[in-house]
Structures are given as structure tokens and as C-alpha cells.
């Protein structure tokens, strides 16, 4: 049984919305389909065009060429809200997944979605922590971060009395993540741990008065805090 979906021009905006929603929900259902529930067999399970049983998945790239792609996103979103469970799973699948790890790989932090804040800190303590002229870190909601591996903790009290708890690998001593008592519900991860040149750029620069004179952070949208 093939899962390809034919598409055509909808006669009304409502039909176009329904067609878009059906494409999306069918894709989610088929990628989650258990093997026992699917009669179609064959194909490689490493093939991204097929589900776990080998059945073909709908080609969502074609959705952009349909009339429904030009409809307001709010209308499609309202229609998807009728199937809340599927919508949540669809959003989860669409999230970017990144993993930061220590130098030896024994401790890792897997993150879903984009960070809520990426900052550069020029304070002297962060220079010591990073071993560089500044530190770059990304903040994520704690429910979007999964930690794997053993870690140890060292706490530092900041200039304004904040308590930062740095968690590092007991083998290679790399700091993989940390939490701040005064900012509950968030986990902060040094950006270098992701080893990803395409990681989102920082939007905040703090302790700018301690910045090395040869360092320049460029960009119109960067907020500088002294």
C-alpha cells in the first residue's frame, strides 16, 4: 500500500485548508505507524521517503506548490487545532535537535528547538571558565534539554550574588551545561559544545567594559550590556 497523496486545486479556501491539514496529519501518522498495523512491505528502512515498514511517505515538498500553500498560516493552524495530539507531535518533529558534548563524549546534552537566548559574556570569570577572551552560551527551557552521562558540579557566586552551578564531565573536565538558581526553569549550554558553525548567532553582549580591545561583535540586532 503506497502512501502517496494526489493533490489538485481546491474549489474553495476551506477545501484547500482541509487538503493541507490532511497532508500534514497523514505524514505524521505514517511515520509513527507500527509495523503490525501496516500491510505494505518492502524498501529500505533507511530510505527517508518510506516509513518504518517500507511504505512510501507523502511528499510534503509538493505542498508548497499547491494553492493551499498560499493560504494564511492562521487558517491552517486553526484547522490543525482540531487534532491537538497530532499537532503537538508534528511540532515536536519539526523542532531542530542539537547535541552538545564534552571533549571525551561521555557527557552530552540533547536540545530540542532553538535557544531562547544566545549571549556573549566578557566578564573575567567567564574568560577563565572558557579559556578564551570571552564565552558564548545558549539558554534553553529545561524541558527541552535531556542530559546523558555522569557529571560533577562546581558553583560560582557572581558579582551580583547569583549562584551558577556548572556541571562538567569527571573524565575530561569539560563544562557541558549549567544552571543559575536565580533563573529557574532554564539550562544554559556553552555554544562550543555543539561544535556547530551554523548555530544561531548571539543577540546579547554582557560585561562589555571588560571586552578585549581587539574583539568586535558585529550586528545591528545585538544588545550591549555594560
N, C-alpha and C. Protein backbone atom coordinates (compact mmCIF):
# COMPACT_ATOMS: atom_id res chain seq x y z
N UNK A 1 0.85 -1.20 0.00
CA UNK A 1 0.00 0.00 0.00
C UNK A 1 0.88 1.24 0.00
N UNK A 2 0.77 2.01 -1.02
CA UNK A 2 1.57 3.23 -1.11
C UNK A 2 0.85 4.39 -0.45
N UNK A 3 1.65 5.28 0.15
CA UNK A 3 1.07 6.39 0.89
C UNK A 3 1.13 7.70 0.17
N UNK A 4 1.43 7.70 -1.11
CA UNK A 4 1.48 8.97 -1.83
C UNK A 4 0.08 9.54 -1.95
N UNK A 5 -0.01 10.85 -1.84
CA UNK A 5 -1.31 11.52 -1.89
C UNK A 5 -1.36 12.42 -3.13
N UNK A 6 -2.37 12.23 -3.91
CA UNK A 6 -2.55 13.10 -5.07
C UNK A 6 -3.14 14.42 -4.62
N UNK A 7 -2.83 15.46 -5.36
CA UNK A 7 -3.38 16.76 -4.98
C UNK A 7 -3.81 17.52 -6.21
N UNK A 8 -4.73 18.43 -6.03
CA UNK A 8 -5.21 19.26 -7.11
C UNK A 8 -5.72 20.57 -6.57
N UNK A 9 -6.23 21.39 -7.42
CA UNK A 9 -6.71 22.69 -6.98
C UNK A 9 -8.03 22.53 -6.23
N UNK A 10 -8.09 23.10 -5.04
CA UNK A 10 -9.33 23.06 -4.27
C UNK A 10 -10.28 24.12 -4.80
N UNK A 11 -11.57 23.79 -4.76
CA UNK A 11 -12.54 24.74 -5.31
C UNK A 11 -12.84 25.88 -4.34
N UNK A 12 -12.57 25.67 -3.03
CA UNK A 12 -12.82 26.72 -2.05
C UNK A 12 -11.63 26.82 -1.10
N UNK A 13 -11.43 27.97 -0.43
CA UNK A 13 -10.36 28.07 0.56
C UNK A 13 -10.48 27.03 1.66
N UNK A 14 -11.71 26.70 2.07
CA UNK A 14 -11.90 25.71 3.14
C UNK A 14 -11.38 24.35 2.69
N UNK A 15 -11.66 23.98 1.42
CA UNK A 15 -11.17 22.71 0.91
C UNK A 15 -9.65 22.70 0.82
N UNK A 16 -9.07 23.86 0.48
CA UNK A 16 -7.61 23.94 0.40
C UNK A 16 -6.98 23.75 1.77
N UNK A 17 -7.61 24.35 2.79
CA UNK A 17 -7.11 24.17 4.16
C UNK A 17 -7.20 22.71 4.56
N UNK A 18 -8.36 22.10 4.31
CA UNK A 18 -8.55 20.70 4.67
C UNK A 18 -7.52 19.81 3.99
N UNK A 19 -7.19 20.13 2.73
CA UNK A 19 -6.22 19.32 2.00
C UNK A 19 -4.84 19.45 2.62
N UNK A 20 -4.46 20.68 3.00
CA UNK A 20 -3.16 20.89 3.63
C UNK A 20 -3.06 20.14 4.94
N UNK A 21 -4.11 20.24 5.75
CA UNK A 21 -4.11 19.55 7.05
C UNK A 21 -4.02 18.06 6.86
N UNK A 22 -4.75 17.53 5.86
CA UNK A 22 -4.74 16.09 5.63
C UNK A 22 -3.35 15.61 5.23
N UNK A 23 -2.67 16.38 4.41
CA UNK A 23 -1.29 16.02 4.02
C UNK A 23 -0.41 15.94 5.25
N UNK A 24 -0.50 16.96 6.10
CA UNK A 24 0.38 17.01 7.26
C UNK A 24 0.08 15.88 8.23
N UNK A 25 -1.19 15.67 8.55
CA UNK A 25 -1.54 14.64 9.53
C UNK A 25 -1.27 13.24 8.99
N UNK A 26 -1.45 13.04 7.70
CA UNK A 26 -1.14 11.73 7.12
C UNK A 26 0.35 11.44 7.24
N UNK A 27 1.17 12.44 7.01
CA UNK A 27 2.62 12.26 7.13
C UNK A 27 2.99 11.85 8.56
N UNK A 28 2.42 12.54 9.56
CA UNK A 28 2.73 12.22 10.95
C UNK A 28 2.26 10.82 11.30
N UNK A 29 1.04 10.47 10.89
CA UNK A 29 0.52 9.14 11.22
C UNK A 29 1.37 8.04 10.58
N UNK A 30 1.78 8.23 9.34
CA UNK A 30 2.53 7.18 8.66
C UNK A 30 3.93 7.02 9.21
N UNK A 31 4.56 8.11 9.62
CA UNK A 31 5.90 7.98 10.19
C UNK A 31 5.85 7.32 11.55
N UNK A 32 4.70 7.36 12.22
CA UNK A 32 4.55 6.72 13.53
C UNK A 32 3.91 5.33 13.42
N UNK A 33 3.55 4.89 12.22
CA UNK A 33 2.79 3.66 12.04
C UNK A 33 3.58 2.45 12.54
N UNK A 34 3.04 1.63 13.46
CA UNK A 34 3.74 0.41 13.87
C UNK A 34 3.77 -0.61 12.75
N UNK A 35 4.75 -1.47 12.76
CA UNK A 35 4.89 -2.44 11.68
C UNK A 35 3.67 -3.35 11.58
N UNK A 36 3.08 -3.74 12.73
CA UNK A 36 1.96 -4.66 12.72
C UNK A 36 0.70 -4.05 12.09
N UNK A 37 0.65 -2.72 12.01
CA UNK A 37 -0.55 -2.05 11.50
C UNK A 37 -0.46 -1.74 10.03
N UNK A 38 0.66 -2.02 9.41
CA UNK A 38 0.86 -1.65 8.01
C UNK A 38 1.00 -2.89 7.16
N UNK A 39 0.26 -2.96 6.04
CA UNK A 39 0.30 -4.13 5.19
C UNK A 39 1.34 -3.99 4.09
N UNK A 40 1.84 -2.79 3.86
CA UNK A 40 2.82 -2.58 2.81
C UNK A 40 4.21 -2.95 3.28
N UNK A 41 4.92 -3.73 2.51
CA UNK A 41 6.27 -4.15 2.88
C UNK A 41 7.23 -3.81 1.76
N UNK A 42 8.47 -3.80 2.08
CA UNK A 42 9.48 -3.60 1.06
C UNK A 42 10.14 -2.25 1.18
N UNK A 43 11.31 -2.12 0.57
CA UNK A 43 12.04 -0.86 0.64
C UNK A 43 12.99 -0.83 1.81
N UNK A 44 13.91 0.09 1.75
CA UNK A 44 14.90 0.23 2.81
C UNK A 44 14.37 1.08 3.94
N UNK A 45 14.62 0.64 5.17
CA UNK A 45 14.16 1.45 6.31
C UNK A 45 15.04 2.67 6.52
N UNK A 46 16.15 2.73 5.81
CA UNK A 46 16.99 3.93 5.85
C UNK A 46 16.57 4.95 4.82
N UNK A 47 15.56 4.61 4.03
CA UNK A 47 15.07 5.50 2.98
C UNK A 47 14.14 6.54 3.60
N UNK A 48 14.49 7.85 3.55
CA UNK A 48 13.65 8.87 4.18
C UNK A 48 12.29 9.04 3.53
N UNK A 49 12.08 8.45 2.34
CA UNK A 49 10.78 8.56 1.68
C UNK A 49 9.82 7.47 2.13
N UNK A 50 10.26 6.58 3.03
CA UNK A 50 9.41 5.49 3.48
C UNK A 50 9.33 5.47 5.00
N UNK A 51 8.25 4.87 5.52
CA UNK A 51 8.14 4.74 6.97
C UNK A 51 8.87 3.50 7.43
N UNK A 52 8.68 3.10 8.72
CA UNK A 52 9.44 2.00 9.27
C UNK A 52 9.12 0.67 8.61
N UNK A 53 7.97 0.56 7.98
CA UNK A 53 7.60 -0.67 7.31
C UNK A 53 8.07 -0.72 5.86
N UNK A 54 8.53 0.39 5.35
CA UNK A 54 8.92 0.44 3.94
C UNK A 54 7.89 1.08 3.06
N UNK A 55 6.75 1.51 3.62
CA UNK A 55 5.72 2.16 2.81
C UNK A 55 6.15 3.57 2.45
N UNK A 56 5.76 4.02 1.26
CA UNK A 56 6.09 5.37 0.83
C UNK A 56 5.37 6.39 1.70
N UNK A 57 6.08 7.48 2.02
CA UNK A 57 5.50 8.59 2.77
C UNK A 57 5.03 9.68 1.81
N UNK A 58 4.06 10.48 2.21
CA UNK A 58 3.64 11.61 1.37
C UNK A 58 4.80 12.57 1.14
N UNK A 59 4.89 13.08 -0.05
CA UNK A 59 5.95 14.04 -0.39
C UNK A 59 5.49 15.44 -0.02
N UNK A 60 5.86 15.90 1.18
CA UNK A 60 5.38 17.20 1.65
C UNK A 60 6.01 18.36 0.90
N UNK A 61 7.08 18.10 0.14
CA UNK A 61 7.67 19.19 -0.62
C UNK A 61 6.71 19.69 -1.70
N UNK A 62 5.78 18.84 -2.11
CA UNK A 62 4.81 19.25 -3.11
C UNK A 62 3.77 20.20 -2.55
N UNK A 63 3.65 20.22 -1.22
CA UNK A 63 2.65 21.08 -0.61
C UNK A 63 2.87 22.54 -0.94
N UNK A 64 4.15 22.93 -1.09
CA UNK A 64 4.47 24.34 -1.34
C UNK A 64 3.98 24.80 -2.70
N UNK A 65 3.69 23.85 -3.60
CA UNK A 65 3.25 24.22 -4.94
C UNK A 65 1.73 24.21 -5.07
N UNK A 66 1.03 23.82 -4.00
CA UNK A 66 -0.41 23.75 -4.07
C UNK A 66 -1.04 25.09 -3.71
N UNK A 67 -2.28 25.34 -4.14
CA UNK A 67 -2.94 26.60 -3.78
C UNK A 67 -3.04 26.81 -2.29
N UNK A 68 -3.13 25.71 -1.51
CA UNK A 68 -3.27 25.85 -0.06
C UNK A 68 -2.04 26.48 0.56
N UNK A 69 -0.87 26.37 -0.10
CA UNK A 69 0.35 26.95 0.46
C UNK A 69 0.27 28.46 0.52
N UNK A 70 -0.65 29.04 -0.26
CA UNK A 70 -0.77 30.49 -0.28
C UNK A 70 -1.82 30.99 0.70
N UNK A 71 -2.45 30.07 1.43
CA UNK A 71 -3.47 30.47 2.39
C UNK A 71 -2.82 30.97 3.67
N UNK A 72 -3.48 31.83 4.42
CA UNK A 72 -2.92 32.32 5.68
C UNK A 72 -2.60 31.18 6.62
N UNK A 73 -1.41 31.23 7.24
CA UNK A 73 -0.99 30.17 8.16
C UNK A 73 -1.95 30.04 9.33
N UNK A 74 -2.58 31.16 9.73
CA UNK A 74 -3.51 31.11 10.86
C UNK A 74 -4.69 30.20 10.57
N UNK A 75 -5.17 30.22 9.31
CA UNK A 75 -6.31 29.38 8.96
C UNK A 75 -5.95 27.90 9.04
N UNK A 76 -4.77 27.56 8.53
CA UNK A 76 -4.33 26.17 8.60
C UNK A 76 -4.10 25.77 10.06
N UNK A 77 -3.53 26.69 10.85
CA UNK A 77 -3.29 26.41 12.26
C UNK A 77 -4.59 26.15 13.01
N UNK A 78 -5.65 26.92 12.69
CA UNK A 78 -6.93 26.72 13.34
C UNK A 78 -7.49 25.34 13.01
N UNK A 79 -7.30 24.92 11.77
CA UNK A 79 -7.79 23.60 11.38
C UNK A 79 -7.01 22.50 12.08
N UNK A 80 -5.70 22.67 12.20
CA UNK A 80 -4.87 21.67 12.88
C UNK A 80 -5.24 21.56 14.35
N UNK A 81 -5.73 22.64 14.94
CA UNK A 81 -6.08 22.64 16.35
C UNK A 81 -7.19 21.64 16.65
N UNK A 82 -7.92 21.22 15.62
CA UNK A 82 -8.97 20.23 15.82
C UNK A 82 -8.39 18.87 16.18
N UNK A 83 -7.12 18.64 15.88
CA UNK A 83 -6.46 17.39 16.20
C UNK A 83 -5.24 17.72 17.03
N UNK A 84 -5.45 18.10 18.30
CA UNK A 84 -4.39 18.64 19.15
C UNK A 84 -3.23 17.66 19.32
N UNK A 85 -3.55 16.39 19.56
CA UNK A 85 -2.48 15.42 19.79
C UNK A 85 -1.54 15.31 18.60
N UNK A 86 -2.11 15.24 17.41
CA UNK A 86 -1.29 15.15 16.21
C UNK A 86 -0.49 16.43 15.99
N UNK A 87 -1.10 17.57 16.30
CA UNK A 87 -0.40 18.84 16.14
C UNK A 87 0.83 18.91 17.02
N UNK A 88 0.69 18.49 18.28
CA UNK A 88 1.83 18.50 19.19
C UNK A 88 2.96 17.63 18.68
N UNK A 89 2.62 16.46 18.14
CA UNK A 89 3.65 15.57 17.62
C UNK A 89 4.29 16.15 16.36
N UNK A 90 3.48 16.84 15.55
CA UNK A 90 4.02 17.47 14.34
C UNK A 90 5.01 18.56 14.71
N UNK A 91 4.65 19.41 15.69
CA UNK A 91 5.55 20.47 16.12
C UNK A 91 6.83 19.90 16.68
N UNK A 92 6.70 18.82 17.47
CA UNK A 92 7.88 18.19 18.06
C UNK A 92 8.81 17.69 16.98
N UNK A 93 8.25 17.08 15.92
CA UNK A 93 9.08 16.56 14.83
C UNK A 93 9.78 17.69 14.08
N UNK A 94 9.10 18.84 13.97
CA UNK A 94 9.66 19.93 13.18
C UNK A 94 10.77 20.67 13.92
N UNK A 95 10.90 20.48 15.23
CA UNK A 95 11.90 21.20 16.01
C UNK A 95 13.31 20.76 15.64
N UNK A 96 14.20 21.72 15.66
CA UNK A 96 15.60 21.41 15.45
C UNK A 96 16.16 20.70 16.66
N UNK A 97 16.95 19.68 16.44
CA UNK A 97 17.58 18.94 17.52
C UNK A 97 19.08 19.11 17.44
N UNK A 98 19.67 19.53 18.55
CA UNK A 98 21.12 19.72 18.62
C UNK A 98 21.65 19.02 19.85
N UNK A 99 22.91 18.56 19.77
CA UNK A 99 23.53 17.89 20.90
C UNK A 99 24.89 18.50 21.19
N UNK A 100 25.09 18.88 22.44
CA UNK A 100 26.39 19.37 22.90
C UNK A 100 27.03 18.26 23.73
N UNK A 101 28.34 18.15 23.67
CA UNK A 101 29.00 17.11 24.43
C UNK A 101 30.36 17.59 24.92
N UNK A 102 30.91 16.83 25.87
CA UNK A 102 32.23 17.15 26.39
C UNK A 102 33.30 16.66 25.40
N UNK A 103 34.55 16.89 25.72
CA UNK A 103 35.64 16.53 24.80
C UNK A 103 35.75 15.03 24.60
N UNK A 104 35.49 14.25 25.66
CA UNK A 104 35.63 12.79 25.54
C UNK A 104 34.34 12.12 25.11
N UNK A 105 33.23 12.86 25.11
CA UNK A 105 31.95 12.32 24.65
C UNK A 105 31.15 11.58 25.70
N UNK A 106 31.61 11.53 26.94
CA UNK A 106 30.90 10.78 27.98
C UNK A 106 29.70 11.53 28.52
N UNK A 107 29.68 12.85 28.41
CA UNK A 107 28.58 13.66 28.91
C UNK A 107 28.00 14.47 27.76
N UNK A 108 26.69 14.43 27.61
CA UNK A 108 26.06 15.13 26.48
C UNK A 108 24.74 15.75 26.92
N UNK A 109 24.36 16.81 26.21
CA UNK A 109 23.08 17.49 26.42
C UNK A 109 22.37 17.60 25.08
N UNK A 110 21.24 16.94 24.94
CA UNK A 110 20.45 16.99 23.71
C UNK A 110 19.36 18.03 23.87
N UNK A 111 19.27 18.95 22.91
CA UNK A 111 18.33 20.08 23.00
C UNK A 111 17.36 20.05 21.84
N UNK A 112 16.10 20.37 22.12
CA UNK A 112 15.07 20.49 21.09
C UNK A 112 14.71 21.95 20.89
N UNK A 113 14.61 22.35 19.63
CA UNK A 113 14.21 23.72 19.34
C UNK A 113 15.37 24.69 19.44
N UNK A 114 15.08 25.95 19.12
CA UNK A 114 16.10 26.99 19.19
C UNK A 114 16.22 27.53 20.61
N UNK A 115 17.38 28.04 20.97
CA UNK A 115 17.54 28.63 22.30
C UNK A 115 16.72 29.91 22.44
N UNK A 116 16.33 30.22 23.67
CA UNK A 116 15.58 31.45 23.92
C UNK A 116 16.52 32.64 24.02
N UNK A 117 17.80 32.39 24.20
CA UNK A 117 18.77 33.47 24.31
C UNK A 117 20.17 32.92 24.01
N UNK A 118 20.91 33.66 23.19
CA UNK A 118 22.32 33.35 22.94
C UNK A 118 23.10 34.60 23.28
N UNK A 119 24.07 34.48 24.17
CA UNK A 119 24.78 35.67 24.63
C UNK A 119 26.29 35.47 24.61
N UNK A 120 26.98 36.59 24.58
CA UNK A 120 28.44 36.62 24.72
C UNK A 120 28.74 37.34 26.03
N UNK A 121 29.59 36.73 26.85
CA UNK A 121 29.96 37.36 28.12
C UNK A 121 31.46 37.62 28.15
N UNK A 122 31.80 38.86 28.49
CA UNK A 122 33.21 39.26 28.55
C UNK A 122 33.74 39.35 29.98
N UNK A 123 32.97 38.90 30.96
CA UNK A 123 33.44 39.01 32.34
C UNK A 123 34.69 38.15 32.54
N UNK A 124 35.48 38.52 33.53
CA UNK A 124 36.75 37.84 33.75
C UNK A 124 36.55 36.39 34.18
N UNK A 125 35.49 36.11 34.93
CA UNK A 125 35.23 34.73 35.33
C UNK A 125 34.88 33.85 34.14
N UNK A 126 34.12 34.39 33.20
CA UNK A 126 33.78 33.61 32.00
C UNK A 126 34.99 33.44 31.10
N UNK A 127 35.88 34.40 31.11
CA UNK A 127 37.12 34.23 30.35
C UNK A 127 37.93 33.07 30.93
N UNK A 128 37.98 32.98 32.27
CA UNK A 128 38.68 31.86 32.89
C UNK A 128 37.97 30.54 32.61
N UNK A 129 36.64 30.57 32.72
CA UNK A 129 35.86 29.33 32.51
C UNK A 129 36.04 28.78 31.11
N UNK A 130 36.02 29.68 30.12
CA UNK A 130 36.10 29.23 28.73
C UNK A 130 37.53 29.03 28.24
N UNK A 131 38.50 29.66 28.96
CA UNK A 131 39.87 29.59 28.48
C UNK A 131 40.09 30.44 27.26
N UNK A 132 39.20 31.41 27.04
CA UNK A 132 39.28 32.26 25.86
C UNK A 132 39.07 33.72 26.28
N UNK A 133 39.00 34.60 25.30
CA UNK A 133 38.82 36.02 25.59
C UNK A 133 37.38 36.36 25.96
N UNK A 134 36.45 35.46 25.70
CA UNK A 134 35.04 35.64 26.05
C UNK A 134 34.37 34.28 26.02
N UNK A 135 33.14 34.23 26.50
CA UNK A 135 32.36 32.98 26.49
C UNK A 135 31.06 33.21 25.74
N UNK A 136 30.61 32.18 25.02
CA UNK A 136 29.34 32.23 24.30
C UNK A 136 28.47 31.09 24.83
N UNK A 137 27.24 31.41 25.20
CA UNK A 137 26.36 30.40 25.78
C UNK A 137 24.92 30.57 25.28
N UNK A 138 24.20 29.45 25.29
CA UNK A 138 22.81 29.43 24.82
C UNK A 138 21.91 28.92 25.93
N UNK A 139 20.77 29.59 26.09
CA UNK A 139 19.83 29.24 27.15
C UNK A 139 18.61 28.54 26.56
N UNK A 140 18.25 27.39 27.15
CA UNK A 140 17.11 26.60 26.70
C UNK A 140 16.15 26.36 27.87
N UNK A 141 14.85 26.24 27.60
CA UNK A 141 13.93 25.78 28.65
C UNK A 141 14.34 24.39 29.09
N UNK A 142 14.30 24.12 30.39
CA UNK A 142 14.82 22.86 30.89
C UNK A 142 14.07 21.64 30.35
N UNK A 143 12.77 21.81 30.01
CA UNK A 143 12.02 20.68 29.48
C UNK A 143 12.45 20.30 28.07
N UNK A 144 13.26 21.16 27.43
CA UNK A 144 13.75 20.87 26.09
C UNK A 144 15.17 20.32 26.08
N UNK A 145 15.69 20.02 27.27
CA UNK A 145 17.07 19.54 27.38
C UNK A 145 17.09 18.18 28.07
N UNK A 146 17.80 17.22 27.49
CA UNK A 146 17.96 15.89 28.08
C UNK A 146 19.46 15.64 28.29
N UNK A 147 19.84 15.33 29.52
CA UNK A 147 21.24 15.11 29.86
C UNK A 147 21.53 13.61 29.90
N UNK A 148 22.64 13.22 29.31
CA UNK A 148 23.07 11.82 29.33
C UNK A 148 24.52 11.76 29.77
N UNK A 149 24.78 10.96 30.80
CA UNK A 149 26.15 10.82 31.28
C UNK A 149 26.32 11.32 32.70
N UNK A 150 27.46 11.01 33.26
CA UNK A 150 27.76 11.41 34.64
C UNK A 150 28.40 12.79 34.66
N UNK A 151 28.08 13.58 35.68
CA UNK A 151 28.65 14.91 35.79
C UNK A 151 28.97 15.26 37.24
N UNK A 152 29.85 16.24 37.40
CA UNK A 152 30.17 16.81 38.69
C UNK A 152 29.78 18.28 38.65
N UNK A 153 29.68 18.90 39.82
CA UNK A 153 29.23 20.28 39.89
C UNK A 153 30.21 21.17 40.64
N UNK A 154 30.35 22.39 40.12
CA UNK A 154 31.10 23.43 40.82
C UNK A 154 30.27 24.70 40.78
N UNK A 155 30.09 25.33 41.93
CA UNK A 155 29.24 26.51 42.00
C UNK A 155 30.07 27.79 42.11
N UNK A 156 29.64 28.81 41.38
CA UNK A 156 30.29 30.11 41.43
C UNK A 156 29.27 31.17 41.79
N UNK A 157 29.64 32.07 42.68
CA UNK A 157 28.77 33.19 43.05
C UNK A 157 29.19 34.41 42.24
N UNK A 158 28.23 34.98 41.51
CA UNK A 158 28.53 36.10 40.63
C UNK A 158 28.66 37.42 41.36
N UNK A 159 28.98 38.46 40.60
CA UNK A 159 29.18 39.80 41.16
C UNK A 159 27.94 40.31 41.89
N UNK A 160 26.76 39.92 41.41
CA UNK A 160 25.50 40.40 42.00
C UNK A 160 24.86 39.36 42.91
N UNK A 161 25.62 38.34 43.28
CA UNK A 161 25.12 37.34 44.21
C UNK A 161 24.41 36.15 43.60
N UNK A 162 24.41 36.03 42.29
CA UNK A 162 23.76 34.88 41.65
C UNK A 162 24.60 33.62 41.86
N UNK A 163 23.92 32.47 41.82
CA UNK A 163 24.58 31.19 42.05
C UNK A 163 24.52 30.36 40.77
N UNK A 164 25.65 30.23 40.10
CA UNK A 164 25.74 29.44 38.87
C UNK A 164 26.35 28.08 39.20
N UNK A 165 25.64 27.02 38.82
CA UNK A 165 26.10 25.65 39.09
C UNK A 165 26.56 25.00 37.79
N UNK A 166 27.86 24.91 37.63
CA UNK A 166 28.45 24.37 36.40
C UNK A 166 28.59 22.86 36.52
N UNK A 167 28.07 22.15 35.53
CA UNK A 167 28.14 20.69 35.51
C UNK A 167 29.15 20.25 34.45
N UNK A 168 30.15 19.49 34.87
CA UNK A 168 31.24 19.12 33.97
C UNK A 168 31.49 17.62 34.00
N UNK A 169 32.16 17.14 32.98
CA UNK A 169 32.50 15.73 32.86
C UNK A 169 33.62 15.37 33.84
N UNK A 170 33.45 14.32 34.64
CA UNK A 170 34.51 13.95 35.59
C UNK A 170 35.75 13.38 34.93
N UNK A 171 35.66 13.02 33.65
CA UNK A 171 36.81 12.44 32.95
C UNK A 171 37.66 13.50 32.27
N UNK A 172 37.01 14.34 31.44
CA UNK A 172 37.78 15.33 30.67
C UNK A 172 37.61 16.75 31.21
N UNK A 173 36.74 16.94 32.18
CA UNK A 173 36.52 18.23 32.86
C UNK A 173 35.83 19.29 32.01
N UNK A 174 35.31 18.94 30.85
CA UNK A 174 34.61 19.92 30.02
C UNK A 174 33.27 20.29 30.65
N UNK A 175 32.97 21.59 30.72
CA UNK A 175 31.66 22.05 31.19
C UNK A 175 30.67 21.91 30.04
N UNK A 176 29.64 21.10 30.24
CA UNK A 176 28.66 20.85 29.19
C UNK A 176 27.40 21.70 29.38
N UNK A 177 27.03 21.96 30.63
CA UNK A 177 25.85 22.79 30.88
C UNK A 177 25.93 23.37 32.28
N UNK A 178 25.10 24.38 32.53
CA UNK A 178 24.99 24.92 33.88
C UNK A 178 23.62 25.53 34.10
N UNK A 179 23.28 25.67 35.37
CA UNK A 179 22.00 26.28 35.76
C UNK A 179 22.29 27.40 36.73
N UNK A 180 21.42 28.38 36.76
CA UNK A 180 21.54 29.51 37.67
C UNK A 180 20.34 29.49 38.60
N UNK A 181 20.59 29.46 39.91
CA UNK A 181 19.50 29.35 40.88
C UNK A 181 18.47 30.45 40.71
N UNK A 182 18.93 31.64 40.36
CA UNK A 182 18.04 32.79 40.24
C UNK A 182 17.28 32.83 38.91
N UNK A 183 17.58 31.91 38.00
CA UNK A 183 16.85 31.82 36.73
C UNK A 183 16.30 30.40 36.61
N UNK A 184 15.29 30.05 37.40
CA UNK A 184 14.78 28.67 37.39
C UNK A 184 14.08 28.33 36.07
N UNK A 185 14.10 27.04 35.76
CA UNK A 185 13.39 26.57 34.57
C UNK A 185 14.21 26.62 33.29
N UNK A 186 15.49 26.98 33.39
CA UNK A 186 16.33 27.08 32.19
C UNK A 186 17.67 26.37 32.40
N UNK A 187 18.22 25.89 31.30
CA UNK A 187 19.54 25.28 31.28
C UNK A 187 20.38 26.05 30.26
N UNK A 188 21.60 26.39 30.64
CA UNK A 188 22.49 27.13 29.75
C UNK A 188 23.63 26.22 29.32
N UNK A 189 23.95 26.28 28.03
CA UNK A 189 24.95 25.38 27.46
C UNK A 189 25.99 26.20 26.69
N UNK A 190 27.28 26.00 26.97
CA UNK A 190 28.32 26.67 26.18
C UNK A 190 28.18 26.28 24.70
N UNK A 191 28.14 27.28 23.84
CA UNK A 191 27.87 27.03 22.43
C UNK A 191 28.96 26.18 21.78
N UNK A 192 30.20 26.30 22.25
CA UNK A 192 31.27 25.50 21.67
C UNK A 192 31.03 24.01 21.79
N UNK A 193 30.23 23.59 22.79
CA UNK A 193 29.96 22.17 22.96
C UNK A 193 29.16 21.57 21.83
N UNK A 194 28.44 22.40 21.07
CA UNK A 194 27.68 21.90 19.94
C UNK A 194 28.55 21.64 18.72
N UNK A 195 29.71 22.28 18.66
CA UNK A 195 30.61 22.14 17.51
C UNK A 195 29.85 22.35 16.20
N UNK A 196 29.09 23.44 16.15
CA UNK A 196 28.21 23.70 15.00
C UNK A 196 28.41 25.14 14.53
N UNK A 197 29.13 25.36 13.43
CA UNK A 197 29.32 26.73 12.92
C UNK A 197 28.02 27.41 12.50
N UNK A 198 26.97 26.62 12.30
CA UNK A 198 25.69 27.20 11.88
C UNK A 198 24.78 27.50 13.06
N UNK A 199 25.28 27.41 14.28
CA UNK A 199 24.47 27.67 15.46
C UNK A 199 24.00 29.14 15.44
N UNK A 200 22.78 29.41 15.95
CA UNK A 200 22.27 30.79 15.93
C UNK A 200 23.25 31.78 16.57
N UNK A 201 23.35 32.94 15.96
CA UNK A 201 24.29 33.97 16.43
C UNK A 201 23.79 34.61 17.72
N UNK A 202 24.70 35.15 18.52
CA UNK A 202 24.29 35.82 19.77
C UNK A 202 23.53 37.11 19.50
N UNK A 203 22.64 37.45 20.43
CA UNK A 203 21.89 38.70 20.32
C UNK A 203 22.13 39.62 21.51
N UNK A 204 22.89 39.12 22.50
CA UNK A 204 23.17 39.89 23.70
C UNK A 204 24.67 39.81 24.00
N UNK A 205 25.23 40.95 24.39
CA UNK A 205 26.65 41.04 24.76
C UNK A 205 26.73 41.69 26.15
N UNK A 206 27.25 40.93 27.13
CA UNK A 206 27.28 41.45 28.50
C UNK A 206 28.72 41.67 28.98
N UNK A 207 28.84 42.50 30.01
CA UNK A 207 30.14 42.91 30.55
C UNK A 207 31.04 43.47 29.44
N UNK A 208 30.46 44.33 28.64
CA UNK A 208 31.18 44.87 27.50
C UNK A 208 32.40 45.69 27.93
N UNK A 209 32.38 46.24 29.15
CA UNK A 209 33.51 47.05 29.59
C UNK A 209 34.76 46.21 29.82
N UNK A 210 34.59 44.88 29.90
CA UNK A 210 35.75 44.01 30.09
C UNK A 210 36.15 43.29 28.81
N UNK A 211 35.58 43.74 27.72
CA UNK A 211 35.91 43.15 26.42
C UNK A 211 37.33 43.50 26.02
N UNK A 212 38.06 42.54 25.47
CA UNK A 212 39.40 42.80 24.96
C UNK A 212 39.30 43.78 23.79
N UNK A 213 40.18 44.73 23.70
CA UNK A 213 40.05 45.78 22.68
C UNK A 213 40.11 45.26 21.24
N UNK A 214 40.69 44.09 21.05
CA UNK A 214 40.79 43.56 19.68
C UNK A 214 39.59 42.68 19.30
N UNK A 215 38.62 42.54 20.23
CA UNK A 215 37.42 41.74 19.97
C UNK A 215 36.28 42.67 19.54
N UNK A 216 35.59 42.31 18.48
CA UNK A 216 34.45 43.09 17.99
C UNK A 216 33.30 42.15 17.65
N UNK A 217 32.14 42.41 18.22
CA UNK A 217 30.94 41.64 17.91
C UNK A 217 30.05 42.51 17.04
N UNK A 218 29.90 42.14 15.79
CA UNK A 218 29.19 42.97 14.84
C UNK A 218 27.75 42.51 14.66
N UNK A 219 26.91 43.44 14.24
CA UNK A 219 25.49 43.11 14.00
C UNK A 219 24.61 44.20 14.55
N UNK A 220 23.56 44.54 13.81
CA UNK A 220 22.69 45.64 14.21
C UNK A 220 21.74 45.23 15.35
N UNK A 221 21.47 43.93 15.51
CA UNK A 221 20.47 43.50 16.47
C UNK A 221 21.08 43.04 17.79
N UNK A 222 22.34 43.32 18.02
CA UNK A 222 22.97 42.88 19.26
C UNK A 222 22.78 43.93 20.35
N UNK A 223 22.29 43.49 21.49
CA UNK A 223 22.11 44.39 22.63
C UNK A 223 23.34 44.33 23.53
N UNK A 224 23.93 45.46 23.77
CA UNK A 224 25.15 45.53 24.58
C UNK A 224 24.79 45.95 26.00
N UNK A 225 25.25 45.16 26.96
CA UNK A 225 25.00 45.45 28.36
C UNK A 225 26.34 45.66 29.06
N UNK A 226 26.46 46.79 29.72
CA UNK A 226 27.72 47.12 30.36
C UNK A 226 27.62 46.86 31.86
